[in-house]
Amino acid sequence: MKATGMNENEDAAITGGGIAKKARLELEGKTGKKVVSAESYLPPSKKKLAKGKE
């Protein structure tokens, strides 16, 4: 999609999220394992400063 503006980007995000959900559920069905788990979760990292800035 060539989304420009808030409404169009919202529609694109909803569509993309649906595609990702379908892919995740299909993968979980084929492997029998959860994709998202406590083992695969990475906590948010601390914000890093850009190079040259302190």
Protein backbone atom coordinates (compact mmCIF):
# COMPACT_ATOMS: atom_id res chain seq x y z
CA MET A 1 0.00 0.00 0.00
CA LYS A 2 1.11 3.51 -0.65
CA ALA A 3 -0.27 4.99 2.54
CA THR A 4 -0.09 8.71 3.14
CA GLY A 5 -1.73 10.26 6.15
CA MET A 6 -2.94 8.92 9.46
CA ASN A 7 -6.08 7.12 8.26
CA GLU A 8 -4.33 5.32 5.42
CA ASN A 9 -1.46 4.26 7.69
CA GLU A 10 -3.95 2.94 10.25
CA ASP A 11 -5.60 0.80 7.55
CA ALA A 12 -2.21 -0.49 6.39
CA ALA A 13 -1.23 -1.35 9.97
CA ILE A 14 -4.44 -3.29 10.54
CA THR A 15 -3.96 -5.21 7.30
CA GLY A 16 -0.32 -5.98 8.10
CA GLY A 17 -1.19 -7.09 11.62
CA GLY A 18 -3.80 -9.49 10.27
CA ILE A 19 -1.27 -11.01 7.88
CA ALA A 20 1.29 -11.39 10.69
CA LYS A 21 -1.31 -13.03 12.97
CA LYS A 22 -2.28 -15.52 10.28
CA ALA A 23 1.38 -16.40 9.65
CA ARG A 24 2.07 -16.82 13.38
CA LEU A 25 -0.95 -19.06 13.92
CA GLU A 26 -0.04 -21.18 10.89
CA LEU A 27 3.55 -21.60 12.11
CA GLU A 28 2.38 -22.52 15.61
CA GLY A 29 -0.02 -25.06 14.14
CA LYS A 30 2.67 -26.71 12.03
CA THR A 31 5.37 -26.79 14.72
CA GLY A 32 3.17 -27.33 17.75
CA LYS A 33 5.16 -24.69 19.64
CA LYS A 34 4.26 -21.15 20.67
CA VAL A 35 6.16 -18.43 18.83
CA VAL A 36 5.81 -15.89 21.64
CA SER A 37 6.85 -17.23 25.03
CA ALA A 38 8.77 -16.22 28.13
CA GLU A 39 11.85 -17.80 26.53
CA SER A 40 11.60 -15.82 23.29
CA TYR A 41 10.72 -12.51 24.98
CA LEU A 42 13.40 -9.83 25.12
CA PRO A 43 12.83 -7.04 27.62
CA PRO A 44 13.11 -3.50 26.26
CA SER A 45 16.69 -2.30 26.26
CA LYS A 46 17.83 1.02 27.65
CA LYS A 47 17.93 3.77 25.07
CA LYS A 48 21.34 4.12 23.54
CA LEU A 49 22.91 7.47 22.80
CA ALA A 50 23.76 8.23 19.21
CA LYS A 51 27.45 8.04 18.36
CA GLY A 52 29.28 11.24 19.15
CA LYS A 53 26.62 12.44 21.60
CA GLU A 54 27.03 12.12 25.33
